[in-house]
Amino acid sequence: MATSVLDIRDPRATAPHARPDARRPPATIVGAAALALVESVALLAGSLTGLDGVLTSPNRPDGAIVALVLLTLAGWIVLCAGGAATLVDGAGRQLVVWVAYAELALVGVLCVVALITTSVGAYLPAVALLALAVPTGKLLLAGSPTALAWVAAGPRPRERRPDPVAVHRGLCTATLAGIALVLGVVALAAPAGGTGPDAPGSVVSSTR
């Protein structure tokens, strides 16, 4: 008897699903993303610290100028963090590159303004080198061959996962019911008016 006759398989059986390609980003991608994230955190911390000093200063600038500066800083922070996320995901590196070029242009403009308006010529080269280190590092890392290959491969595949609410519907319902019960007990046990001597009703009654 032929082996093809003995080898009977279920026609409905399918091959096991292969796991999605769990690609790991190269070191250049991780370095560029880390620089962008550290820069965004530093910008956030610096803006919060500077905002406190600006608002408490007697020579506080106009509100429109403060709002414009805050919007600019917020956009800068979001672009830095978003560029890091898109780079790690493999969706593209244009955002990181554009932000880095804009930062290089900003440093150049600030250096020219500092040379014209102040007398910090002796310290300007060191300050300029420190300011140029981050955007230059991002450009070098994002433009490396491994980074280009990572972006060319496209975004990493996503594994579809079931909705946890649909899977654990009973647990979610019980959790919501428990929260509602606790809030109801707290509201009944401690009414808004209070019953202590400092409650509004007792103060009114004591004045009569």
N, C-alpha and C. Protein backbone atom coordinates (compact mmCIF):
# COMPACT_ATOMS: atom_id res chain seq x y z
N MET A 1 0.85 -1.18 0.00
CA MET A 1 0.00 0.00 0.00
C MET A 1 0.90 1.23 0.00
N ALA A 2 0.51 2.20 -0.78
CA ALA A 2 1.33 3.39 -0.90
C ALA A 2 1.28 4.20 0.39
N THR A 3 2.39 4.86 0.63
CA THR A 3 2.44 5.68 1.85
C THR A 3 1.53 6.87 1.77
N SER A 4 1.19 7.31 0.54
CA SER A 4 0.28 8.45 0.41
C SER A 4 -1.09 8.12 0.91
N VAL A 5 -1.47 6.84 0.85
CA VAL A 5 -2.79 6.44 1.35
C VAL A 5 -2.79 6.40 2.86
N LEU A 6 -1.71 5.93 3.45
CA LEU A 6 -1.62 5.87 4.90
C LEU A 6 -1.48 7.24 5.54
N ASP A 7 -0.90 8.16 4.82
CA ASP A 7 -0.65 9.49 5.36
C ASP A 7 -1.90 10.35 5.21
N ILE A 8 -2.86 10.14 6.08
CA ILE A 8 -4.13 10.85 6.02
C ILE A 8 -4.08 11.99 7.01
N ARG A 9 -4.27 13.18 6.50
CA ARG A 9 -4.26 14.37 7.34
C ARG A 9 -5.60 15.08 7.26
N ASP A 10 -5.90 15.81 8.31
CA ASP A 10 -7.12 16.60 8.33
C ASP A 10 -6.97 17.77 7.37
N PRO A 11 -7.80 17.89 6.35
CA PRO A 11 -7.63 19.00 5.41
C PRO A 11 -7.86 20.36 6.05
N ARG A 12 -8.54 20.40 7.20
CA ARG A 12 -8.79 21.68 7.86
C ARG A 12 -7.63 22.13 8.71
N ALA A 13 -6.66 21.23 8.94
CA ALA A 13 -5.53 21.59 9.79
C ALA A 13 -4.66 22.62 9.07
N THR A 14 -4.21 23.57 9.77
CA THR A 14 -3.38 24.62 9.21
C THR A 14 -2.03 24.59 9.89
N ALA A 15 -1.07 25.17 9.22
CA ALA A 15 0.28 25.24 9.79
C ALA A 15 0.27 26.18 10.97
N PRO A 16 1.10 25.90 11.96
CA PRO A 16 1.14 26.79 13.13
C PRO A 16 1.59 28.18 12.72
N HIS A 17 0.98 29.16 13.36
CA HIS A 17 1.30 30.55 13.05
C HIS A 17 2.71 30.87 13.50
N ALA A 18 3.45 31.45 12.60
CA ALA A 18 4.81 31.87 12.95
C ALA A 18 4.75 33.14 13.78
N ARG A 19 5.63 33.22 14.70
CA ARG A 19 5.66 34.41 15.54
C ARG A 19 6.11 35.59 14.71
N PRO A 20 5.60 36.77 14.98
CA PRO A 20 6.03 37.93 14.22
C PRO A 20 7.52 38.18 14.39
N ASP A 21 8.07 38.83 13.39
CA ASP A 21 9.50 39.09 13.38
C ASP A 21 9.84 40.06 14.49
N ALA A 22 10.42 39.52 15.55
CA ALA A 22 10.77 40.36 16.71
C ALA A 22 12.15 40.98 16.47
N ARG A 23 12.17 41.97 15.59
CA ARG A 23 13.44 42.63 15.29
C ARG A 23 13.82 43.56 16.43
N ARG A 24 15.10 43.57 16.71
CA ARG A 24 15.60 44.48 17.73
C ARG A 24 16.33 45.63 17.06
N PRO A 25 16.08 46.85 17.52
CA PRO A 25 16.74 47.99 16.87
C PRO A 25 18.24 47.96 17.10
N PRO A 26 19.01 48.38 16.13
CA PRO A 26 20.47 48.41 16.31
C PRO A 26 20.89 49.48 17.30
N ALA A 27 22.17 49.46 17.63
CA ALA A 27 22.68 50.39 18.64
C ALA A 27 22.58 51.83 18.17
N THR A 28 22.73 52.07 16.88
CA THR A 28 22.63 53.45 16.38
C THR A 28 21.22 54.01 16.55
N ILE A 29 20.23 53.17 16.32
CA ILE A 29 18.84 53.61 16.51
C ILE A 29 18.57 53.88 17.98
N VAL A 30 19.05 52.99 18.83
CA VAL A 30 18.84 53.19 20.26
C VAL A 30 19.55 54.45 20.74
N GLY A 31 20.76 54.70 20.23
CA GLY A 31 21.49 55.91 20.63
C GLY A 31 20.80 57.18 20.18
N ALA A 32 20.34 57.21 18.93
CA ALA A 32 19.66 58.41 18.44
C ALA A 32 18.35 58.65 19.19
N ALA A 33 17.61 57.58 19.44
CA ALA A 33 16.36 57.73 20.19
C ALA A 33 16.63 58.18 21.62
N ALA A 34 17.69 57.65 22.23
CA ALA A 34 18.02 58.06 23.60
C ALA A 34 18.41 59.53 23.64
N LEU A 35 19.18 60.00 22.66
CA LEU A 35 19.53 61.41 22.61
C LEU A 35 18.28 62.29 22.49
N ALA A 36 17.36 61.88 21.61
CA ALA A 36 16.15 62.67 21.42
C ALA A 36 15.29 62.68 22.68
N LEU A 37 15.20 61.55 23.36
CA LEU A 37 14.39 61.49 24.58
C LEU A 37 15.02 62.30 25.70
N VAL A 38 16.33 62.18 25.86
CA VAL A 38 17.01 62.97 26.90
C VAL A 38 16.87 64.46 26.61
N GLU A 39 16.96 64.82 25.34
CA GLU A 39 16.78 66.23 24.98
C GLU A 39 15.38 66.72 25.31
N SER A 40 14.38 65.91 25.02
CA SER A 40 13.00 66.32 25.31
C SER A 40 12.78 66.48 26.82
N VAL A 41 13.35 65.56 27.61
CA VAL A 41 13.22 65.68 29.07
C VAL A 41 13.96 66.92 29.58
N ALA A 42 15.14 67.18 29.04
CA ALA A 42 15.90 68.35 29.45
C ALA A 42 15.17 69.64 29.07
N LEU A 43 14.57 69.66 27.90
CA LEU A 43 13.80 70.84 27.50
C LEU A 43 12.60 71.06 28.42
N LEU A 44 11.93 69.96 28.79
CA LEU A 44 10.79 70.08 29.68
C LEU A 44 11.22 70.61 31.05
N ALA A 45 12.30 70.04 31.60
CA ALA A 45 12.77 70.49 32.91
C ALA A 45 13.24 71.94 32.86
N GLY A 46 13.97 72.30 31.81
CA GLY A 46 14.44 73.68 31.69
C GLY A 46 13.31 74.67 31.50
N SER A 47 12.30 74.29 30.72
CA SER A 47 11.18 75.20 30.51
C SER A 47 10.37 75.40 31.78
N LEU A 48 10.19 74.34 32.57
CA LEU A 48 9.46 74.50 33.82
C LEU A 48 10.23 75.38 34.81
N THR A 49 11.54 75.16 34.88
CA THR A 49 12.35 75.99 35.78
C THR A 49 12.39 77.44 35.32
N GLY A 50 12.57 77.65 34.03
CA GLY A 50 12.59 79.02 33.51
C GLY A 50 11.26 79.71 33.61
N LEU A 51 10.17 78.95 33.46
CA LEU A 51 8.84 79.56 33.55
C LEU A 51 8.58 80.12 34.94
N ASP A 52 9.02 79.40 35.96
CA ASP A 52 8.84 79.89 37.33
C ASP A 52 9.59 81.21 37.52
N GLY A 53 10.81 81.29 37.00
CA GLY A 53 11.56 82.53 37.14
C GLY A 53 10.96 83.68 36.33
N VAL A 54 10.42 83.37 35.16
CA VAL A 54 9.84 84.43 34.32
C VAL A 54 8.57 84.98 34.94
N LEU A 55 7.71 84.10 35.44
CA LEU A 55 6.43 84.55 35.99
C LEU A 55 6.59 85.30 37.30
N THR A 56 7.63 85.00 38.07
CA THR A 56 7.85 85.70 39.34
C THR A 56 8.76 86.92 39.19
N SER A 57 9.25 87.18 38.01
CA SER A 57 10.14 88.31 37.80
C SER A 57 9.34 89.61 37.73
N PRO A 58 9.87 90.72 38.30
CA PRO A 58 9.16 92.00 38.18
C PRO A 58 9.11 92.51 36.75
N ASN A 59 10.08 92.13 35.93
CA ASN A 59 10.10 92.53 34.52
C ASN A 59 9.54 91.42 33.64
N ARG A 60 8.39 90.95 34.01
CA ARG A 60 7.79 89.85 33.26
C ARG A 60 7.36 90.31 31.88
N PRO A 61 7.66 89.55 30.82
CA PRO A 61 7.26 89.97 29.48
C PRO A 61 5.76 89.86 29.28
N ASP A 62 5.34 90.30 28.12
CA ASP A 62 3.91 90.29 27.80
C ASP A 62 3.38 88.86 27.75
N GLY A 63 2.09 88.71 28.05
CA GLY A 63 1.48 87.39 28.07
C GLY A 63 1.53 86.69 26.72
N ALA A 64 1.39 87.44 25.63
CA ALA A 64 1.44 86.83 24.30
C ALA A 64 2.82 86.25 24.02
N ILE A 65 3.87 86.95 24.46
CA ILE A 65 5.23 86.44 24.25
C ILE A 65 5.45 85.17 25.06
N VAL A 66 4.97 85.17 26.31
CA VAL A 66 5.10 83.98 27.14
C VAL A 66 4.37 82.79 26.52
N ALA A 67 3.15 83.03 26.02
CA ALA A 67 2.38 81.95 25.39
C ALA A 67 3.07 81.43 24.13
N LEU A 68 3.65 82.34 23.34
CA LEU A 68 4.36 81.92 22.13
C LEU A 68 5.58 81.07 22.46
N VAL A 69 6.33 81.49 23.49
CA VAL A 69 7.50 80.71 23.90
C VAL A 69 7.09 79.34 24.42
N LEU A 70 6.01 79.29 25.21
CA LEU A 70 5.55 78.01 25.73
C LEU A 70 5.09 77.07 24.62
N LEU A 71 4.37 77.62 23.63
CA LEU A 71 3.93 76.79 22.51
C LEU A 71 5.12 76.27 21.71
N THR A 72 6.12 77.13 21.53
CA THR A 72 7.32 76.70 20.80
C THR A 72 8.05 75.59 21.54
N LEU A 73 8.22 75.76 22.84
CA LEU A 73 8.89 74.73 23.63
C LEU A 73 8.09 73.43 23.66
N ALA A 74 6.77 73.55 23.77
CA ALA A 74 5.93 72.34 23.77
C ALA A 74 6.04 71.59 22.44
N GLY A 75 6.01 72.34 21.34
CA GLY A 75 6.17 71.69 20.04
C GLY A 75 7.54 71.06 19.87
N TRP A 76 8.56 71.72 20.37
CA TRP A 76 9.92 71.18 20.30
C TRP A 76 10.03 69.88 21.08
N ILE A 77 9.46 69.86 22.28
CA ILE A 77 9.50 68.64 23.11
C ILE A 77 8.75 67.50 22.43
N VAL A 78 7.58 67.80 21.89
CA VAL A 78 6.78 66.75 21.25
C VAL A 78 7.49 66.22 20.00
N LEU A 79 8.11 67.10 19.24
CA LEU A 79 8.81 66.66 18.04
C LEU A 79 10.01 65.78 18.38
N CYS A 80 10.74 66.14 19.43
CA CYS A 80 11.88 65.31 19.84
C CYS A 80 11.42 63.93 20.27
N ALA A 81 10.41 63.87 21.13
CA ALA A 81 9.92 62.58 21.60
C ALA A 81 9.27 61.78 20.47
N GLY A 82 8.51 62.45 19.61
CA GLY A 82 7.88 61.75 18.49
C GLY A 82 8.90 61.22 17.50
N GLY A 83 9.97 61.98 17.25
CA GLY A 83 11.02 61.49 16.36
C GLY A 83 11.70 60.25 16.91
N ALA A 84 11.92 60.22 18.22
CA ALA A 84 12.51 59.03 18.83
C ALA A 84 11.59 57.82 18.68
N ALA A 85 10.29 58.02 18.86
CA ALA A 85 9.35 56.91 18.75
C ALA A 85 9.26 56.38 17.32
N THR A 86 9.19 57.28 16.33
CA THR A 86 9.12 56.83 14.94
C THR A 86 10.41 56.15 14.50
N LEU A 87 11.53 56.60 15.04
CA LEU A 87 12.80 55.99 14.67
C LEU A 87 12.92 54.57 15.22
N VAL A 88 12.54 54.39 16.48
CA VAL A 88 12.60 53.05 17.07
C VAL A 88 11.60 52.12 16.40
N ASP A 89 10.44 52.64 16.02
CA ASP A 89 9.43 51.82 15.37
C ASP A 89 9.81 51.47 13.94
N GLY A 90 10.73 52.21 13.35
CA GLY A 90 11.11 51.96 11.97
C GLY A 90 10.23 52.65 10.95
N ALA A 91 9.37 53.56 11.41
CA ALA A 91 8.47 54.24 10.49
C ALA A 91 9.16 55.32 9.67
N GLY A 92 10.29 55.81 10.14
CA GLY A 92 11.01 56.83 9.39
C GLY A 92 11.98 57.57 10.28
N ARG A 93 12.88 58.30 9.64
CA ARG A 93 13.86 59.09 10.37
C ARG A 93 13.82 60.56 10.00
N GLN A 94 12.84 60.94 9.15
CA GLN A 94 12.78 62.32 8.69
C GLN A 94 12.53 63.30 9.82
N LEU A 95 11.70 62.91 10.77
CA LEU A 95 11.38 63.83 11.86
C LEU A 95 12.62 64.13 12.70
N VAL A 96 13.40 63.11 13.00
CA VAL A 96 14.63 63.32 13.77
C VAL A 96 15.61 64.19 12.99
N VAL A 97 15.73 63.96 11.69
CA VAL A 97 16.67 64.71 10.86
C VAL A 97 16.24 66.17 10.75
N TRP A 98 14.96 66.41 10.52
CA TRP A 98 14.47 67.79 10.38
C TRP A 98 14.64 68.57 11.67
N VAL A 99 14.33 67.94 12.78
CA VAL A 99 14.51 68.63 14.07
C VAL A 99 15.98 68.92 14.32
N ALA A 100 16.85 68.00 13.97
CA ALA A 100 18.29 68.22 14.17
C ALA A 100 18.79 69.37 13.30
N TYR A 101 18.35 69.44 12.05
CA TYR A 101 18.75 70.56 11.19
C TYR A 101 18.22 71.89 11.73
N ALA A 102 17.00 71.89 12.23
CA ALA A 102 16.44 73.12 12.81
C ALA A 102 17.23 73.54 14.05
N GLU A 103 17.66 72.57 14.84
CA GLU A 103 18.46 72.90 16.02
C GLU A 103 19.83 73.46 15.63
N LEU A 104 20.43 72.92 14.58
CA LEU A 104 21.70 73.46 14.10
C LEU A 104 21.54 74.90 13.63
N ALA A 105 20.45 75.16 12.90
CA ALA A 105 20.21 76.53 12.45
C ALA A 105 19.95 77.46 13.63
N LEU A 106 19.23 76.99 14.63
CA LEU A 106 18.97 77.82 15.81
C LEU A 106 20.25 78.14 16.56
N VAL A 107 21.12 77.15 16.71
CA VAL A 107 22.40 77.40 17.39
C VAL A 107 23.23 78.41 16.61
N GLY A 108 23.24 78.32 15.28
CA GLY A 108 23.97 79.29 14.48
C GLY A 108 23.44 80.70 14.64
N VAL A 109 22.11 80.83 14.63
CA VAL A 109 21.51 82.16 14.80
C VAL A 109 21.82 82.73 16.18
N LEU A 110 21.72 81.90 17.21
CA LEU A 110 22.02 82.37 18.57
C LEU A 110 23.49 82.77 18.72
N CYS A 111 24.37 82.06 18.06
CA CYS A 111 25.80 82.42 18.12
C CYS A 111 26.04 83.78 17.47
N VAL A 112 25.41 84.03 16.33
CA VAL A 112 25.57 85.33 15.67
C VAL A 112 25.01 86.44 16.53
N VAL A 113 23.83 86.20 17.12
CA VAL A 113 23.23 87.22 17.98
C VAL A 113 24.10 87.48 19.20
N ALA A 114 24.68 86.41 19.78
CA ALA A 114 25.54 86.58 20.95
C ALA A 114 26.80 87.35 20.61
N LEU A 115 27.34 87.14 19.43
CA LEU A 115 28.54 87.88 19.02
C LEU A 115 28.24 89.36 18.82
N ILE A 116 27.06 89.66 18.36
CA ILE A 116 26.71 91.05 18.05
C ILE A 116 26.32 91.81 19.31
N THR A 117 25.55 91.17 20.17
CA THR A 117 24.94 91.90 21.29
C THR A 117 25.71 91.80 22.59
N THR A 118 26.51 90.77 22.79
CA THR A 118 27.21 90.59 24.07
C THR A 118 28.70 90.41 23.83
N SER A 119 29.44 90.40 24.92
CA SER A 119 30.89 90.23 24.85
C SER A 119 31.28 88.90 25.47
N VAL A 120 30.87 87.82 24.86
CA VAL A 120 31.17 86.47 25.36
C VAL A 120 32.01 85.72 24.32
N GLY A 121 32.82 86.45 23.60
CA GLY A 121 33.59 85.82 22.54
C GLY A 121 34.51 84.72 23.03
N ALA A 122 35.08 84.87 24.23
CA ALA A 122 36.00 83.86 24.74
C ALA A 122 35.31 82.55 25.07
N TYR A 123 34.05 82.61 25.51
CA TYR A 123 33.34 81.40 25.91
C TYR A 123 32.43 80.87 24.81
N LEU A 124 32.24 81.61 23.75
CA LEU A 124 31.28 81.22 22.72
C LEU A 124 31.66 79.91 22.02
N PRO A 125 32.93 79.67 21.65
CA PRO A 125 33.23 78.38 20.98
C PRO A 125 32.89 77.17 21.83
N ALA A 126 33.20 77.21 23.11
CA ALA A 126 32.88 76.06 23.98
C ALA A 126 31.38 75.86 24.11
N VAL A 127 30.66 76.96 24.28
CA VAL A 127 29.20 76.86 24.40
C VAL A 127 28.59 76.36 23.10
N ALA A 128 29.11 76.83 21.97
CA ALA A 128 28.59 76.40 20.67
C ALA A 128 28.84 74.91 20.45
N LEU A 129 30.02 74.44 20.82
CA LEU A 129 30.32 73.01 20.66
C LEU A 129 29.40 72.15 21.52
N LEU A 130 29.15 72.59 22.74
CA LEU A 130 28.24 71.84 23.61
C LEU A 130 26.82 71.83 23.04
N ALA A 131 26.40 72.96 22.49
CA ALA A 131 25.05 73.02 21.95
C ALA A 131 24.92 72.23 20.65
N LEU A 132 26.00 72.13 19.88
CA LEU A 132 25.95 71.41 18.61
C LEU A 132 26.12 69.90 18.78
N ALA A 133 26.50 69.45 19.97
CA ALA A 133 26.78 68.03 20.16
C ALA A 133 25.53 67.18 19.98
N VAL A 134 24.40 67.62 20.52
CA VAL A 134 23.19 66.78 20.47
C VAL A 134 22.64 66.66 19.06
N PRO A 135 22.39 67.77 18.33
CA PRO A 135 21.87 67.59 16.96
C PRO A 135 22.85 66.90 16.03
N THR A 136 24.15 67.17 16.20
CA THR A 136 25.12 66.48 15.36
C THR A 136 25.15 64.98 15.65
N GLY A 137 25.07 64.62 16.92
CA GLY A 137 25.02 63.20 17.28
C GLY A 137 23.78 62.52 16.71
N LYS A 138 22.65 63.19 16.76
CA LYS A 138 21.44 62.59 16.21
C LYS A 138 21.55 62.40 14.70
N LEU A 139 22.14 63.38 14.00
CA LEU A 139 22.30 63.24 12.55
C LEU A 139 23.25 62.11 12.20
N LEU A 140 24.34 62.00 12.92
CA LEU A 140 25.30 60.93 12.63
C LEU A 140 24.72 59.55 12.91
N LEU A 141 24.02 59.42 14.02
CA LEU A 141 23.45 58.11 14.37
C LEU A 141 22.29 57.74 13.45
N ALA A 142 21.42 58.71 13.16
CA ALA A 142 20.27 58.42 12.29
C ALA A 142 20.68 58.23 10.84
N GLY A 143 21.84 58.72 10.44
CA GLY A 143 22.30 58.56 9.07
C GLY A 143 23.27 57.42 8.86
N SER A 144 23.51 56.60 9.88
CA SER A 144 24.42 55.48 9.76
C SER A 144 23.81 54.38 8.88
N PRO A 145 24.63 53.51 8.30
CA PRO A 145 24.08 52.44 7.45
C PRO A 145 23.10 51.52 8.18
N THR A 146 23.40 51.19 9.43
CA THR A 146 22.48 50.31 10.16
C THR A 146 21.13 50.99 10.40
N ALA A 147 21.16 52.30 10.67
CA ALA A 147 19.90 53.03 10.86
C ALA A 147 19.11 53.12 9.56
N LEU A 148 19.80 53.34 8.44
CA LEU A 148 19.11 53.38 7.16
C LEU A 148 18.50 52.03 6.81
N ALA A 149 19.23 50.95 7.11
CA ALA A 149 18.68 49.61 6.86
C ALA A 149 17.48 49.33 7.76
N TRP A 150 17.54 49.80 9.00
CA TRP A 150 16.43 49.60 9.92
C TRP A 150 15.17 50.30 9.43
N VAL A 151 15.32 51.52 8.97
CA VAL A 151 14.16 52.27 8.47
C VAL A 151 13.67 51.69 7.16
N ALA A 152 14.60 51.24 6.30
CA ALA A 152 14.19 50.67 5.02
C ALA A 152 13.39 49.39 5.19
N ALA A 153 13.63 48.66 6.28
CA ALA A 153 12.88 47.42 6.53
C ALA A 153 11.44 47.69 6.90
N GLY A 154 11.10 48.92 7.26
CA GLY A 154 9.72 49.25 7.58
C GLY A 154 9.39 49.05 9.04
N PRO A 155 8.20 49.45 9.44
CA PRO A 155 7.79 49.30 10.84
C PRO A 155 7.73 47.83 11.25
N ARG A 156 7.96 47.61 12.53
CA ARG A 156 7.89 46.26 13.06
C ARG A 156 6.45 45.77 13.05
N PRO A 157 6.23 44.47 12.75
CA PRO A 157 4.86 43.94 12.75
C PRO A 157 4.27 43.94 14.15
N ARG A 158 3.00 44.13 14.21
CA ARG A 158 2.27 44.17 15.48
C ARG A 158 1.49 42.87 15.67
N GLU A 159 1.59 42.32 16.83
CA GLU A 159 0.84 41.11 17.15
C GLU A 159 -0.54 41.50 17.65
N ARG A 160 -1.55 40.95 17.00
CA ARG A 160 -2.92 41.26 17.39
C ARG A 160 -3.26 40.58 18.71
N ARG A 161 -3.76 41.37 19.61
CA ARG A 161 -4.14 40.85 20.91
C ARG A 161 -5.63 41.11 21.14
N PRO A 162 -6.31 40.20 21.79
CA PRO A 162 -7.74 40.41 22.04
C PRO A 162 -7.98 41.56 23.01
N ASP A 163 -9.14 42.14 22.87
CA ASP A 163 -9.52 43.24 23.75
C ASP A 163 -9.66 42.70 25.17
N PRO A 164 -8.90 43.26 26.14
CA PRO A 164 -9.00 42.71 27.51
C PRO A 164 -10.37 42.93 28.12
N VAL A 165 -11.07 43.99 27.71
CA VAL A 165 -12.42 44.22 28.24
C VAL A 165 -13.37 43.13 27.78
N ALA A 166 -13.24 42.74 26.50
CA ALA A 166 -14.12 41.69 25.98
C ALA A 166 -13.80 40.32 26.58
N VAL A 167 -12.52 40.07 26.83
CA VAL A 167 -12.13 38.77 27.38
C VAL A 167 -12.51 38.66 28.85
N HIS A 168 -12.29 39.74 29.61
CA HIS A 168 -12.56 39.73 31.06
C HIS A 168 -13.75 40.64 31.38
N ARG A 169 -14.83 40.44 30.67
CA ARG A 169 -15.99 41.30 30.87
C ARG A 169 -16.56 41.16 32.28
N GLY A 170 -16.61 39.94 32.81
CA GLY A 170 -17.14 39.75 34.15
C GLY A 170 -16.30 40.43 35.21
N LEU A 171 -14.97 40.34 35.07
CA LEU A 171 -14.09 40.98 36.03
C LEU A 171 -14.23 42.50 35.97
N CYS A 172 -14.35 43.06 34.75
CA CYS A 172 -14.52 44.51 34.61
C CYS A 172 -15.83 44.97 35.24
N THR A 173 -16.89 44.19 35.02
CA THR A 173 -18.19 44.55 35.61
C THR A 173 -18.13 44.50 37.13
N ALA A 174 -17.49 43.47 37.67
CA ALA A 174 -17.37 43.37 39.12
C ALA A 174 -16.52 44.50 39.69
N THR A 175 -15.47 44.89 38.99
CA THR A 175 -14.62 45.99 39.45
C THR A 175 -15.39 47.30 39.47
N LEU A 176 -16.14 47.59 38.40
CA LEU A 176 -16.94 48.81 38.37
C LEU A 176 -18.00 48.81 39.46
N ALA A 177 -18.65 47.65 39.68
CA ALA A 177 -19.66 47.57 40.73
C ALA A 177 -19.03 47.79 42.10
N GLY A 178 -17.84 47.24 42.33
CA GLY A 178 -17.17 47.45 43.61
C GLY A 178 -16.79 48.89 43.83
N ILE A 179 -16.30 49.57 42.77
CA ILE A 179 -15.95 50.99 42.91
C ILE A 179 -17.19 51.83 43.21
N ALA A 180 -18.28 51.52 42.48
CA ALA A 180 -19.51 52.27 42.73
C ALA A 180 -20.02 52.03 44.15
N LEU A 181 -19.91 50.80 44.64
CA LEU A 181 -20.36 50.50 46.00
C LEU A 181 -19.53 51.25 47.03
N VAL A 182 -18.21 51.28 46.85
CA VAL A 182 -17.34 51.97 47.80
C VAL A 182 -17.63 53.47 47.80
N LEU A 183 -17.81 54.05 46.61
CA LEU A 183 -18.12 55.48 46.54
C LEU A 183 -19.46 55.79 47.19
N GLY A 184 -20.43 54.89 46.98
CA GLY A 184 -21.73 55.11 47.61
C GLY A 184 -21.66 55.04 49.12
N VAL A 185 -20.90 54.08 49.64
CA VAL A 185 -20.76 53.96 51.10
C VAL A 185 -20.06 55.19 51.66
N VAL A 186 -19.02 55.68 50.98
CA VAL A 186 -18.32 56.87 51.45
C VAL A 186 -19.24 58.09 51.44
N ALA A 187 -20.06 58.21 50.39
CA ALA A 187 -20.96 59.36 50.31
C ALA A 187 -22.02 59.31 51.39
N LEU A 188 -22.51 58.11 51.74
CA LEU A 188 -23.52 58.01 52.78
C LEU A 188 -22.92 58.17 54.18
N ALA A 189 -21.71 57.68 54.37
CA ALA A 189 -21.11 57.74 55.70
C ALA A 189 -20.57 59.12 56.03
N ALA A 190 -20.15 59.88 55.04
CA ALA A 190 -19.60 61.21 55.26
C ALA A 190 -20.30 62.19 54.34
N PRO A 191 -21.49 62.68 54.74
CA PRO A 191 -22.21 63.64 53.90
C PRO A 191 -21.43 64.93 53.76
N ALA A 192 -21.79 65.69 52.74
CA ALA A 192 -21.04 66.91 52.42
C ALA A 192 -21.12 67.95 53.52
N GLY A 193 -22.26 68.04 54.21
CA GLY A 193 -22.41 69.07 55.23
C GLY A 193 -21.62 68.79 56.49
N GLY A 194 -21.44 67.51 56.83
CA GLY A 194 -20.72 67.15 58.05
C GLY A 194 -21.60 67.31 59.28
N THR A 195 -21.17 66.67 60.37
CA THR A 195 -21.94 66.73 61.61
C THR A 195 -21.11 67.24 62.78
N GLY A 196 -19.87 67.67 62.53
CA GLY A 196 -19.00 68.13 63.60
C GLY A 196 -19.33 69.55 64.02
N PRO A 197 -18.65 70.03 65.05
CA PRO A 197 -18.90 71.40 65.51
C PRO A 197 -18.52 72.47 64.51
N ASP A 198 -17.64 72.13 63.54
CA ASP A 198 -17.24 73.10 62.53
C ASP A 198 -18.11 73.06 61.30
N ALA A 199 -19.16 72.24 61.29
CA ALA A 199 -20.02 72.18 60.13
C ALA A 199 -20.80 73.48 59.96
N PRO A 200 -21.18 73.83 58.71
CA PRO A 200 -21.89 75.09 58.49
C PRO A 200 -23.18 75.20 59.27
N GLY A 201 -23.95 74.04 59.40
CA GLY A 201 -25.21 74.11 60.12
C GLY A 201 -25.03 74.43 61.59
N SER A 202 -24.01 73.85 62.22
CA SER A 202 -23.80 74.09 63.64
C SER A 202 -23.34 75.53 63.88
N VAL A 203 -22.57 76.09 62.95
CA VAL A 203 -22.13 77.46 63.11
C VAL A 203 -23.31 78.42 63.02
N VAL A 204 -24.23 78.15 62.10
CA VAL A 204 -25.41 79.01 61.98
C VAL A 204 -26.28 78.92 63.21
N SER A 205 -26.48 77.68 63.72
CA SER A 205 -27.34 77.51 64.88
C SER A 205 -26.71 78.15 66.12
N SER A 206 -25.38 78.20 66.20
CA SER A 206 -24.76 78.78 67.39
C SER A 206 -24.83 80.29 67.39
N THR A 207 -25.04 80.87 66.25
CA THR A 207 -25.13 82.35 66.19
C THR A 207 -26.54 82.84 66.50
N ARG A 208 -27.50 81.91 66.54
CA ARG A 208 -28.88 82.34 66.83
C ARG A 208 -29.10 82.47 68.33
